[in-house]
Amino acid sequence: MIEPLRRTCLIAVLLAAGGVAASGQTSVPPKPADLTAPAGVEQQAPYVIGAGDVLGIVFWREKELSGDVAVLPDGRITLPLINEMPAAGLTAEELRVKLVEAARRFVTDPTATVVVRQINSRHVFITGMVAKTGQYPLYRTMTVLQLIATAGGLLEFAKSNEIVIIRTEQGKQVSYPFNYKQVSKALNLAQNIDLKPGDTVVVP
């Protein structure tokens, strides 16, 4: 009689100990989600202001310094009091910092905002046997194939294997061949280059 009773007590003690151990365990919180961009994903670079662009410049509580201005062909803008200032080649944030520095001569603790209202400096051109020839804005990365699609596609008798991209590099015109039939079949995709401002695609 004593042995079974001892065994029963031992089991009860072990079960109680296991319950205490289980209740003393702490749950591990999940790791926070990784909000960084996956490796290999290209981040869009800030827009760089160019000649012909229209900028909206607002100084808080300083209307005489505020207004819409166009970037002149020499890359400069003109504002009251501040007068001329280089803008081409800068981002909106970089220009804002320079404007604030210049305005300190006339205003105490100036606060400015710069917005690109019209993008007129970044265009590409397409001519020849496409549905809609002309000038197209280059807001972001665009390939030759994408421009052709934007222009409504090739016309029936276009020589799709003789397309040429004309570009000015270091003051000289250079050309790059583009074979639409190959690229549309995922062949020789290196031809499908990213276009740069001022490029002209010629479709014979």
N, C-alpha and C. Protein backbone atom coordinates (compact mmCIF):
# COMPACT_ATOMS: atom_id res chain seq x y z
N MET A 1 0.82 -1.21 0.00
CA MET A 1 0.00 0.00 0.00
C MET A 1 0.85 1.26 0.00
N ILE A 2 2.03 1.19 0.67
CA ILE A 2 2.87 2.37 0.77
C ILE A 2 3.49 2.73 -0.57
N GLU A 3 3.92 1.68 -1.32
CA GLU A 3 4.62 1.93 -2.59
C GLU A 3 3.72 2.61 -3.62
N PRO A 4 2.51 2.15 -3.85
CA PRO A 4 1.64 2.86 -4.81
C PRO A 4 1.36 4.29 -4.39
N LEU A 5 1.19 4.52 -3.06
CA LEU A 5 0.92 5.87 -2.60
C LEU A 5 2.11 6.79 -2.86
N ARG A 6 3.33 6.26 -2.67
CA ARG A 6 4.53 7.05 -2.92
C ARG A 6 4.66 7.39 -4.41
N ARG A 7 4.33 6.41 -5.25
CA ARG A 7 4.42 6.64 -6.69
C ARG A 7 3.42 7.72 -7.12
N THR A 8 2.22 7.68 -6.53
CA THR A 8 1.19 8.67 -6.87
C THR A 8 1.61 10.07 -6.47
N CYS A 9 2.22 10.18 -5.29
CA CYS A 9 2.69 11.50 -4.82
C CYS A 9 3.79 12.05 -5.71
N LEU A 10 4.71 11.14 -6.14
CA LEU A 10 5.81 11.57 -6.99
C LEU A 10 5.31 12.09 -8.33
N ILE A 11 4.30 11.41 -8.88
CA ILE A 11 3.73 11.85 -10.16
C ILE A 11 3.07 13.21 -10.01
N ALA A 12 2.36 13.39 -8.89
CA ALA A 12 1.69 14.67 -8.65
C ALA A 12 2.69 15.80 -8.53
N VAL A 13 3.83 15.56 -7.87
CA VAL A 13 4.87 16.58 -7.71
C VAL A 13 5.47 16.95 -9.06
N LEU A 14 5.75 15.93 -9.89
CA LEU A 14 6.32 16.18 -11.20
C LEU A 14 5.38 16.99 -12.09
N LEU A 15 4.08 16.65 -12.03
CA LEU A 15 3.11 17.39 -12.83
C LEU A 15 3.00 18.83 -12.38
N ALA A 16 3.04 19.04 -11.10
CA ALA A 16 2.97 20.40 -10.57
C ALA A 16 4.18 21.21 -10.98
N ALA A 17 5.36 20.58 -10.93
CA ALA A 17 6.59 21.26 -11.33
C ALA A 17 6.56 21.63 -12.81
N GLY A 18 6.03 20.71 -13.63
CA GLY A 18 5.94 20.99 -15.06
C GLY A 18 5.01 22.14 -15.34
N GLY A 19 3.91 22.23 -14.56
CA GLY A 19 2.98 23.33 -14.75
C GLY A 19 3.59 24.66 -14.38
N VAL A 20 4.38 24.70 -13.30
CA VAL A 20 5.03 25.94 -12.90
C VAL A 20 6.03 26.38 -13.95
N ALA A 21 6.80 25.39 -14.47
CA ALA A 21 7.80 25.73 -15.50
C ALA A 21 7.13 26.29 -16.74
N ALA A 22 5.99 25.67 -17.12
CA ALA A 22 5.29 26.14 -18.32
C ALA A 22 4.74 27.54 -18.13
N SER A 23 4.20 27.80 -16.89
CA SER A 23 3.64 29.12 -16.65
C SER A 23 4.72 30.18 -16.55
N GLY A 24 5.96 29.79 -16.27
CA GLY A 24 7.06 30.75 -16.15
C GLY A 24 7.70 31.10 -17.45
N GLN A 25 7.34 30.40 -18.51
CA GLN A 25 7.93 30.69 -19.82
C GLN A 25 7.37 32.01 -20.34
N THR A 26 8.25 32.79 -20.98
CA THR A 26 7.83 34.05 -21.60
C THR A 26 7.81 33.89 -23.11
N SER A 27 6.78 34.46 -23.74
CA SER A 27 6.69 34.36 -25.20
C SER A 27 7.65 35.34 -25.84
N VAL A 28 8.26 34.93 -26.93
CA VAL A 28 9.20 35.78 -27.67
C VAL A 28 8.43 36.60 -28.68
N PRO A 29 8.49 37.94 -28.60
CA PRO A 29 7.73 38.77 -29.54
C PRO A 29 8.25 38.61 -30.95
N PRO A 30 7.38 38.67 -31.94
CA PRO A 30 7.83 38.54 -33.34
C PRO A 30 8.72 39.70 -33.72
N LYS A 31 9.64 39.42 -34.61
CA LYS A 31 10.53 40.46 -35.09
C LYS A 31 9.74 41.46 -35.93
N PRO A 32 10.07 42.74 -35.82
CA PRO A 32 9.36 43.74 -36.64
C PRO A 32 9.63 43.52 -38.12
N ALA A 33 8.67 43.88 -38.93
CA ALA A 33 8.82 43.71 -40.38
C ALA A 33 9.94 44.59 -40.90
N ASP A 34 10.70 44.06 -41.82
CA ASP A 34 11.78 44.82 -42.44
C ASP A 34 11.19 45.73 -43.51
N LEU A 35 11.23 47.05 -43.25
CA LEU A 35 10.62 48.00 -44.16
C LEU A 35 11.58 48.54 -45.19
N THR A 36 12.82 48.06 -45.17
CA THR A 36 13.78 48.52 -46.16
C THR A 36 13.49 47.89 -47.50
N ALA A 37 13.93 48.54 -48.57
CA ALA A 37 13.69 48.02 -49.92
C ALA A 37 14.47 46.74 -50.14
N PRO A 38 13.89 45.74 -50.82
CA PRO A 38 14.62 44.51 -51.11
C PRO A 38 15.88 44.78 -51.90
N ALA A 39 16.86 43.91 -51.72
CA ALA A 39 18.12 44.07 -52.44
C ALA A 39 17.86 44.00 -53.94
N GLY A 40 18.50 44.86 -54.67
CA GLY A 40 18.36 44.85 -56.12
C GLY A 40 17.26 45.77 -56.64
N VAL A 41 16.44 46.34 -55.73
CA VAL A 41 15.38 47.25 -56.17
C VAL A 41 15.94 48.66 -56.27
N GLU A 42 15.88 49.25 -57.43
CA GLU A 42 16.46 50.56 -57.67
C GLU A 42 15.54 51.65 -57.12
N GLN A 43 16.11 52.56 -56.34
CA GLN A 43 15.35 53.68 -55.81
C GLN A 43 15.35 54.82 -56.82
N GLN A 44 14.17 55.43 -56.99
CA GLN A 44 14.06 56.53 -57.93
C GLN A 44 14.82 57.74 -57.41
N ALA A 45 15.74 58.27 -58.21
CA ALA A 45 16.53 59.42 -57.78
C ALA A 45 15.67 60.68 -57.81
N PRO A 46 15.97 61.66 -56.94
CA PRO A 46 15.23 62.92 -56.95
C PRO A 46 15.37 63.62 -58.30
N TYR A 47 14.32 64.34 -58.69
CA TYR A 47 14.34 65.04 -59.98
C TYR A 47 15.34 66.18 -59.93
N VAL A 48 16.11 66.33 -61.01
CA VAL A 48 17.10 67.39 -61.14
C VAL A 48 16.53 68.48 -62.05
N ILE A 49 16.51 69.69 -61.55
CA ILE A 49 15.93 70.83 -62.27
C ILE A 49 16.77 71.15 -63.51
N GLY A 50 16.08 71.54 -64.59
CA GLY A 50 16.77 71.89 -65.83
C GLY A 50 16.21 73.16 -66.43
N ALA A 51 16.90 73.68 -67.43
CA ALA A 51 16.46 74.90 -68.11
C ALA A 51 15.08 74.70 -68.73
N GLY A 52 14.22 75.69 -68.55
CA GLY A 52 12.86 75.61 -69.09
C GLY A 52 11.83 75.15 -68.08
N ASP A 53 12.25 74.53 -67.00
CA ASP A 53 11.30 74.09 -65.97
C ASP A 53 10.68 75.30 -65.29
N VAL A 54 9.45 75.13 -64.81
CA VAL A 54 8.77 76.18 -64.05
C VAL A 54 8.70 75.75 -62.59
N LEU A 55 9.17 76.61 -61.69
CA LEU A 55 9.23 76.30 -60.27
C LEU A 55 8.27 77.18 -59.49
N GLY A 56 7.64 76.60 -58.49
CA GLY A 56 6.83 77.36 -57.56
C GLY A 56 7.63 77.56 -56.28
N ILE A 57 7.93 78.80 -55.96
CA ILE A 57 8.75 79.12 -54.77
C ILE A 57 7.90 79.93 -53.80
N VAL A 58 7.77 79.42 -52.59
CA VAL A 58 6.93 80.08 -51.58
C VAL A 58 7.75 80.28 -50.31
N PHE A 59 7.86 81.53 -49.91
CA PHE A 59 8.44 81.88 -48.61
C PHE A 59 7.30 82.18 -47.64
N TRP A 60 7.30 81.48 -46.52
CA TRP A 60 6.23 81.65 -45.54
C TRP A 60 6.21 83.09 -45.02
N ARG A 61 5.05 83.72 -45.14
CA ARG A 61 4.83 85.10 -44.69
C ARG A 61 5.67 86.13 -45.45
N GLU A 62 6.20 85.75 -46.59
CA GLU A 62 7.01 86.69 -47.38
C GLU A 62 6.54 86.63 -48.84
N LYS A 63 5.40 87.26 -49.13
CA LYS A 63 4.82 87.19 -50.46
C LYS A 63 5.69 87.83 -51.52
N GLU A 64 6.44 88.86 -51.13
CA GLU A 64 7.27 89.55 -52.13
C GLU A 64 8.40 88.67 -52.64
N LEU A 65 8.75 87.63 -51.89
CA LEU A 65 9.80 86.71 -52.35
C LEU A 65 9.23 85.47 -53.02
N SER A 66 7.92 85.34 -53.03
CA SER A 66 7.28 84.11 -53.52
C SER A 66 6.76 84.30 -54.94
N GLY A 67 6.54 83.19 -55.62
CA GLY A 67 5.97 83.22 -56.96
C GLY A 67 6.47 82.08 -57.82
N ASP A 68 5.90 81.96 -59.01
CA ASP A 68 6.33 80.96 -59.99
C ASP A 68 7.40 81.58 -60.88
N VAL A 69 8.47 80.87 -61.08
CA VAL A 69 9.56 81.36 -61.92
C VAL A 69 9.99 80.28 -62.89
N ALA A 70 10.44 80.70 -64.07
CA ALA A 70 10.96 79.78 -65.07
C ALA A 70 12.48 79.76 -65.01
N VAL A 71 13.05 78.59 -65.19
CA VAL A 71 14.51 78.46 -65.24
C VAL A 71 14.98 78.92 -66.61
N LEU A 72 15.82 79.93 -66.63
CA LEU A 72 16.28 80.52 -67.88
C LEU A 72 17.21 79.57 -68.62
N PRO A 73 17.47 79.83 -69.92
CA PRO A 73 18.36 78.95 -70.68
C PRO A 73 19.75 78.81 -70.08
N ASP A 74 20.20 79.82 -69.32
CA ASP A 74 21.52 79.70 -68.69
C ASP A 74 21.46 78.96 -67.35
N GLY A 75 20.26 78.45 -67.00
CA GLY A 75 20.12 77.64 -65.78
C GLY A 75 19.84 78.42 -64.53
N ARG A 76 19.58 79.74 -64.65
CA ARG A 76 19.38 80.57 -63.47
C ARG A 76 17.91 80.98 -63.35
N ILE A 77 17.53 81.36 -62.12
CA ILE A 77 16.21 81.92 -61.88
C ILE A 77 16.39 83.34 -61.32
N THR A 78 15.34 84.13 -61.40
CA THR A 78 15.38 85.49 -60.89
C THR A 78 14.23 85.70 -59.92
N LEU A 79 14.55 86.19 -58.71
CA LEU A 79 13.56 86.46 -57.68
C LEU A 79 13.75 87.89 -57.14
N PRO A 80 12.67 88.52 -56.67
CA PRO A 80 12.83 89.84 -56.05
C PRO A 80 13.79 89.77 -54.86
N LEU A 81 14.57 90.79 -54.69
CA LEU A 81 15.56 90.93 -53.62
C LEU A 81 16.74 89.98 -53.79
N ILE A 82 16.44 88.70 -53.96
CA ILE A 82 17.52 87.72 -54.10
C ILE A 82 18.21 87.85 -55.45
N ASN A 83 17.47 88.32 -56.45
CA ASN A 83 17.98 88.47 -57.82
C ASN A 83 18.28 87.11 -58.45
N GLU A 84 19.37 86.99 -59.18
CA GLU A 84 19.64 85.75 -59.92
C GLU A 84 20.30 84.71 -59.03
N MET A 85 19.95 83.45 -59.32
CA MET A 85 20.54 82.33 -58.58
C MET A 85 20.54 81.09 -59.47
N PRO A 86 21.63 80.31 -59.49
CA PRO A 86 21.65 79.07 -60.27
C PRO A 86 20.62 78.07 -59.74
N ALA A 87 19.91 77.42 -60.66
CA ALA A 87 18.92 76.42 -60.28
C ALA A 87 19.10 75.11 -61.03
N ALA A 88 19.50 75.18 -62.29
CA ALA A 88 19.68 73.97 -63.09
C ALA A 88 20.77 73.10 -62.49
N GLY A 89 20.51 71.80 -62.48
CA GLY A 89 21.47 70.86 -61.91
C GLY A 89 21.25 70.57 -60.44
N LEU A 90 20.29 71.27 -59.82
CA LEU A 90 19.98 71.06 -58.41
C LEU A 90 18.65 70.32 -58.27
N THR A 91 18.46 69.63 -57.15
CA THR A 91 17.14 69.11 -56.81
C THR A 91 16.35 70.23 -56.15
N ALA A 92 15.04 70.02 -55.99
CA ALA A 92 14.21 71.04 -55.35
C ALA A 92 14.68 71.31 -53.93
N GLU A 93 15.09 70.28 -53.21
CA GLU A 93 15.56 70.46 -51.84
C GLU A 93 16.88 71.23 -51.79
N GLU A 94 17.79 70.93 -52.72
CA GLU A 94 19.07 71.65 -52.76
C GLU A 94 18.85 73.13 -53.06
N LEU A 95 17.93 73.42 -53.98
CA LEU A 95 17.63 74.82 -54.29
C LEU A 95 16.96 75.51 -53.10
N ARG A 96 16.08 74.81 -52.42
CA ARG A 96 15.41 75.38 -51.24
C ARG A 96 16.44 75.83 -50.20
N VAL A 97 17.44 74.98 -49.94
CA VAL A 97 18.48 75.31 -48.96
C VAL A 97 19.23 76.57 -49.38
N LYS A 98 19.57 76.67 -50.67
CA LYS A 98 20.31 77.84 -51.15
C LYS A 98 19.46 79.12 -51.08
N LEU A 99 18.16 78.99 -51.36
CA LEU A 99 17.27 80.14 -51.29
C LEU A 99 17.14 80.65 -49.85
N VAL A 100 17.03 79.72 -48.93
CA VAL A 100 16.93 80.11 -47.51
C VAL A 100 18.20 80.85 -47.08
N GLU A 101 19.35 80.34 -47.50
CA GLU A 101 20.61 81.00 -47.15
C GLU A 101 20.66 82.41 -47.73
N ALA A 102 20.24 82.56 -48.99
CA ALA A 102 20.28 83.88 -49.63
C ALA A 102 19.27 84.84 -49.00
N ALA A 103 18.12 84.32 -48.56
CA ALA A 103 17.07 85.17 -48.01
C ALA A 103 17.40 85.67 -46.60
N ARG A 104 18.36 85.06 -45.94
CA ARG A 104 18.71 85.49 -44.58
C ARG A 104 19.21 86.94 -44.56
N ARG A 105 19.65 87.44 -45.70
CA ARG A 105 20.11 88.84 -45.76
C ARG A 105 18.95 89.82 -45.63
N PHE A 106 17.73 89.35 -45.91
CA PHE A 106 16.58 90.24 -45.93
C PHE A 106 15.49 89.85 -44.94
N VAL A 107 15.48 88.56 -44.55
CA VAL A 107 14.38 88.04 -43.72
C VAL A 107 14.97 87.30 -42.52
N THR A 108 14.33 87.48 -41.37
CA THR A 108 14.75 86.75 -40.17
C THR A 108 14.12 85.35 -40.17
N ASP A 109 14.96 84.34 -40.05
CA ASP A 109 14.52 82.94 -39.99
C ASP A 109 13.57 82.60 -41.14
N PRO A 110 14.02 82.71 -42.39
CA PRO A 110 13.14 82.41 -43.54
C PRO A 110 12.82 80.93 -43.66
N THR A 111 11.62 80.66 -44.15
CA THR A 111 11.17 79.28 -44.42
C THR A 111 10.66 79.23 -45.85
N ALA A 112 11.22 78.34 -46.65
CA ALA A 112 10.87 78.29 -48.08
C ALA A 112 10.44 76.90 -48.51
N THR A 113 9.65 76.87 -49.56
CA THR A 113 9.24 75.62 -50.21
C THR A 113 9.46 75.76 -51.70
N VAL A 114 10.02 74.72 -52.33
CA VAL A 114 10.25 74.72 -53.78
C VAL A 114 9.53 73.52 -54.39
N VAL A 115 8.70 73.80 -55.38
CA VAL A 115 7.95 72.75 -56.07
C VAL A 115 8.18 72.89 -57.57
N VAL A 116 8.45 71.77 -58.24
CA VAL A 116 8.58 71.78 -59.71
C VAL A 116 7.17 71.69 -60.29
N ARG A 117 6.69 72.79 -60.85
CA ARG A 117 5.32 72.84 -61.37
C ARG A 117 5.22 72.30 -62.79
N GLN A 118 6.21 72.59 -63.62
CA GLN A 118 6.21 72.08 -64.99
C GLN A 118 7.60 71.59 -65.35
N ILE A 119 7.65 70.41 -65.92
CA ILE A 119 8.93 69.85 -66.38
C ILE A 119 9.03 70.07 -67.88
N ASN A 120 9.87 71.01 -68.26
CA ASN A 120 10.05 71.33 -69.68
C ASN A 120 11.46 71.02 -70.18
N SER A 121 12.33 70.59 -69.27
CA SER A 121 13.73 70.40 -69.66
C SER A 121 14.05 68.96 -70.05
N ARG A 122 13.17 68.04 -69.73
CA ARG A 122 13.46 66.63 -69.98
C ARG A 122 12.46 66.08 -71.00
N HIS A 123 12.88 66.02 -72.24
CA HIS A 123 12.03 65.50 -73.30
C HIS A 123 12.83 64.57 -74.20
N VAL A 124 12.12 63.65 -74.82
CA VAL A 124 12.69 62.82 -75.88
C VAL A 124 11.78 62.98 -77.10
N PHE A 125 12.30 62.63 -78.26
CA PHE A 125 11.58 62.84 -79.51
C PHE A 125 11.52 61.53 -80.29
N ILE A 126 10.43 61.36 -81.01
CA ILE A 126 10.32 60.20 -81.90
C ILE A 126 9.71 60.68 -83.21
N THR A 127 10.30 60.23 -84.31
CA THR A 127 9.86 60.67 -85.63
C THR A 127 9.84 59.49 -86.58
N GLY A 128 9.10 59.64 -87.66
CA GLY A 128 9.05 58.57 -88.66
C GLY A 128 7.76 57.78 -88.61
N MET A 129 7.86 56.48 -88.81
CA MET A 129 6.71 55.61 -89.01
C MET A 129 6.13 55.09 -87.69
N VAL A 130 5.64 56.03 -86.87
CA VAL A 130 4.89 55.66 -85.66
C VAL A 130 3.57 56.42 -85.69
N ALA A 131 2.64 55.99 -84.86
CA ALA A 131 1.30 56.58 -84.91
C ALA A 131 1.30 58.05 -84.48
N LYS A 132 2.09 58.39 -83.46
CA LYS A 132 2.09 59.76 -82.95
C LYS A 132 3.52 60.26 -82.78
N THR A 133 4.03 60.91 -83.80
CA THR A 133 5.38 61.46 -83.71
C THR A 133 5.37 62.71 -82.82
N GLY A 134 6.56 63.12 -82.38
CA GLY A 134 6.63 64.36 -81.62
C GLY A 134 7.49 64.26 -80.39
N GLN A 135 7.24 65.18 -79.47
CA GLN A 135 8.03 65.33 -78.25
C GLN A 135 7.27 64.72 -77.08
N TYR A 136 8.00 63.97 -76.24
CA TYR A 136 7.38 63.32 -75.09
C TYR A 136 8.18 63.64 -73.83
N PRO A 137 7.51 63.93 -72.74
CA PRO A 137 8.23 64.24 -71.49
C PRO A 137 8.91 63.00 -70.93
N LEU A 138 10.06 63.22 -70.33
CA LEU A 138 10.83 62.13 -69.74
C LEU A 138 10.83 62.33 -68.22
N TYR A 139 9.73 61.95 -67.59
CA TYR A 139 9.59 62.15 -66.15
C TYR A 139 10.43 61.17 -65.35
N ARG A 140 10.56 59.98 -65.89
CA ARG A 140 11.29 58.92 -65.19
C ARG A 140 11.96 58.04 -66.23
N THR A 141 12.55 56.95 -65.81
CA THR A 141 13.25 56.06 -66.74
C THR A 141 12.30 55.55 -67.83
N MET A 142 12.74 55.67 -69.07
CA MET A 142 11.95 55.19 -70.21
C MET A 142 12.87 54.55 -71.22
N THR A 143 12.53 53.36 -71.68
CA THR A 143 13.32 52.67 -72.69
C THR A 143 12.80 53.00 -74.09
N VAL A 144 13.55 52.57 -75.09
CA VAL A 144 13.14 52.79 -76.48
C VAL A 144 11.79 52.11 -76.74
N LEU A 145 11.66 50.89 -76.29
CA LEU A 145 10.42 50.14 -76.51
C LEU A 145 9.24 50.84 -75.85
N GLN A 146 9.45 51.39 -74.66
CA GLN A 146 8.37 52.09 -73.97
C GLN A 146 7.97 53.37 -74.71
N LEU A 147 8.95 54.08 -75.28
CA LEU A 147 8.63 55.28 -76.04
C LEU A 147 7.83 54.94 -77.28
N ILE A 148 8.20 53.88 -77.96
CA ILE A 148 7.45 53.46 -79.16
C ILE A 148 6.01 53.14 -78.79
N ALA A 149 5.83 52.45 -77.66
CA ALA A 149 4.48 52.13 -77.20
C ALA A 149 3.71 53.40 -76.86
N THR A 150 4.37 54.35 -76.20
CA THR A 150 3.73 55.62 -75.84
C THR A 150 3.31 56.39 -77.09
N ALA A 151 4.11 56.25 -78.16
CA ALA A 151 3.81 56.93 -79.42
C ALA A 151 2.79 56.19 -80.26
N GLY A 152 2.14 55.20 -79.70
CA GLY A 152 1.08 54.51 -80.42
C GLY A 152 1.51 53.31 -81.24
N GLY A 153 2.81 52.97 -81.19
CA GLY A 153 3.30 51.81 -81.90
C GLY A 153 3.73 52.12 -83.33
N LEU A 154 4.33 51.12 -83.97
CA LEU A 154 4.83 51.27 -85.33
C LEU A 154 3.70 51.21 -86.35
N LEU A 155 3.87 51.93 -87.44
CA LEU A 155 2.92 51.84 -88.55
C LEU A 155 3.21 50.58 -89.37
N GLU A 156 2.29 50.28 -90.25
CA GLU A 156 2.34 49.00 -90.97
C GLU A 156 3.63 48.81 -91.76
N PHE A 157 4.11 49.85 -92.43
CA PHE A 157 5.26 49.68 -93.31
C PHE A 157 6.57 50.18 -92.69
N ALA A 158 6.59 50.30 -91.38
CA ALA A 158 7.82 50.73 -90.70
C ALA A 158 8.91 49.67 -90.85
N LYS A 159 10.14 50.12 -91.05
CA LYS A 159 11.29 49.20 -91.12
C LYS A 159 11.78 48.98 -89.69
N SER A 160 11.13 48.05 -89.02
CA SER A 160 11.32 47.88 -87.58
C SER A 160 12.72 47.39 -87.20
N ASN A 161 13.47 46.88 -88.16
CA ASN A 161 14.82 46.41 -87.86
C ASN A 161 15.89 47.47 -88.15
N GLU A 162 15.45 48.69 -88.53
CA GLU A 162 16.40 49.75 -88.87
C GLU A 162 16.20 51.01 -88.02
N ILE A 163 15.59 50.87 -86.87
CA ILE A 163 15.34 52.02 -86.00
C ILE A 163 16.67 52.50 -85.40
N VAL A 164 16.79 53.81 -85.24
CA VAL A 164 18.04 54.40 -84.74
C VAL A 164 17.72 55.41 -83.63
N ILE A 165 18.55 55.39 -82.59
CA ILE A 165 18.47 56.40 -81.53
C ILE A 165 19.62 57.36 -81.72
N ILE A 166 19.31 58.66 -81.88
CA ILE A 166 20.34 59.68 -82.06
C ILE A 166 20.50 60.44 -80.75
N ARG A 167 21.73 60.55 -80.29
CA ARG A 167 22.03 61.17 -78.99
C ARG A 167 23.25 62.08 -79.13
N THR A 168 23.25 63.17 -78.38
CA THR A 168 24.40 64.07 -78.35
C THR A 168 25.22 63.78 -77.10
N GLU A 169 26.48 63.41 -77.31
CA GLU A 169 27.39 63.11 -76.20
C GLU A 169 28.67 63.92 -76.37
N GLN A 170 28.97 64.72 -75.36
CA GLN A 170 30.16 65.56 -75.38
C GLN A 170 30.23 66.42 -76.64
N GLY A 171 29.07 66.95 -77.02
CA GLY A 171 29.00 67.84 -78.16
C GLY A 171 28.97 67.17 -79.52
N LYS A 172 28.98 65.84 -79.55
CA LYS A 172 28.96 65.11 -80.81
C LYS A 172 27.74 64.19 -80.86
N GLN A 173 27.19 64.05 -82.07
CA GLN A 173 26.05 63.17 -82.24
C GLN A 173 26.51 61.73 -82.47
N VAL A 174 25.90 60.83 -81.73
CA VAL A 174 26.17 59.40 -81.89
C VAL A 174 24.84 58.70 -82.11
N SER A 175 24.89 57.51 -82.68
CA SER A 175 23.66 56.76 -82.96
C SER A 175 23.76 55.34 -82.41
N TYR A 176 22.60 54.82 -82.03
CA TYR A 176 22.52 53.46 -81.51
C TYR A 176 21.44 52.72 -82.29
N PRO A 177 21.74 51.52 -82.80
CA PRO A 177 20.74 50.76 -83.56
C PRO A 177 19.72 50.10 -82.63
N PHE A 178 18.52 49.89 -83.15
CA PHE A 178 17.46 49.24 -82.39
C PHE A 178 16.64 48.39 -83.34
N ASN A 179 16.61 47.09 -83.07
CA ASN A 179 15.84 46.15 -83.88
C ASN A 179 14.58 45.76 -83.11
N TYR A 180 13.46 46.32 -83.51
CA TYR A 180 12.21 46.12 -82.79
C TYR A 180 11.80 44.65 -82.75
N LYS A 181 11.97 43.96 -83.85
CA LYS A 181 11.56 42.56 -83.91
C LYS A 181 12.34 41.72 -82.90
N GLN A 182 13.65 41.96 -82.80
CA GLN A 182 14.45 41.20 -81.85
C GLN A 182 14.04 41.50 -80.41
N VAL A 183 13.93 42.77 -80.09
CA VAL A 183 13.62 43.15 -78.70
C VAL A 183 12.23 42.67 -78.30
N SER A 184 11.27 42.76 -79.20
CA SER A 184 9.91 42.32 -78.88
C SER A 184 9.85 40.81 -78.65
N LYS A 185 10.87 40.08 -79.14
CA LYS A 185 10.95 38.64 -78.90
C LYS A 185 11.95 38.31 -77.79
N ALA A 186 12.32 39.33 -77.01
CA ALA A 186 13.25 39.17 -75.89
C ALA A 186 14.62 38.70 -76.35
N LEU A 187 15.05 39.16 -77.53
CA LEU A 187 16.37 38.85 -78.05
C LEU A 187 17.21 40.13 -78.10
N ASN A 188 18.49 40.01 -77.76
CA ASN A 188 19.40 41.15 -77.81
C ASN A 188 18.81 42.37 -77.10
N LEU A 189 18.41 42.17 -75.85
CA LEU A 189 17.74 43.22 -75.09
C LEU A 189 18.64 44.40 -74.74
N ALA A 190 19.95 44.25 -74.93
CA ALA A 190 20.87 45.36 -74.66
C ALA A 190 20.57 46.55 -75.56
N GLN A 191 19.90 46.32 -76.70
CA GLN A 191 19.53 47.42 -77.60
C GLN A 191 18.49 48.35 -76.97
N ASN A 192 17.70 47.80 -76.04
CA ASN A 192 16.58 48.55 -75.46
C ASN A 192 17.10 49.47 -74.35
N ILE A 193 17.86 50.48 -74.75
CA ILE A 193 18.56 51.33 -73.80
C ILE A 193 17.59 52.31 -73.11
N ASP A 194 18.00 52.79 -71.94
CA ASP A 194 17.27 53.87 -71.28
C ASP A 194 17.54 55.17 -72.03
N LEU A 195 16.49 55.88 -72.34
CA LEU A 195 16.62 57.13 -73.07
C LEU A 195 17.08 58.25 -72.13
N LYS A 196 17.77 59.23 -72.72
CA LYS A 196 18.23 60.42 -71.98
C LYS A 196 17.56 61.66 -72.58
N PRO A 197 17.45 62.73 -71.79
CA PRO A 197 16.84 63.95 -72.32
C PRO A 197 17.51 64.40 -73.61
N GLY A 198 16.69 64.71 -74.61
CA GLY A 198 17.22 65.16 -75.89
C GLY A 198 17.38 64.06 -76.92
N ASP A 199 17.25 62.79 -76.54
CA ASP A 199 17.37 61.69 -77.49
C ASP A 199 16.24 61.76 -78.53
N THR A 200 16.59 61.35 -79.75
CA THR A 200 15.60 61.26 -80.82
C THR A 200 15.60 59.85 -81.38
N VAL A 201 14.43 59.24 -81.41
CA VAL A 201 14.27 57.89 -81.98
C VAL A 201 13.71 58.05 -83.39
N VAL A 202 14.42 57.53 -84.37
CA VAL A 202 14.03 57.65 -85.77
C VAL A 202 13.55 56.28 -86.27
N VAL A 203 12.30 56.22 -86.74
CA VAL A 203 11.72 54.97 -87.25
C VAL A 203 11.52 55.12 -88.75
N PRO A 204 12.37 54.53 -89.57
CA PRO A 204 12.25 54.68 -91.03
C PRO A 204 11.06 53.90 -91.60
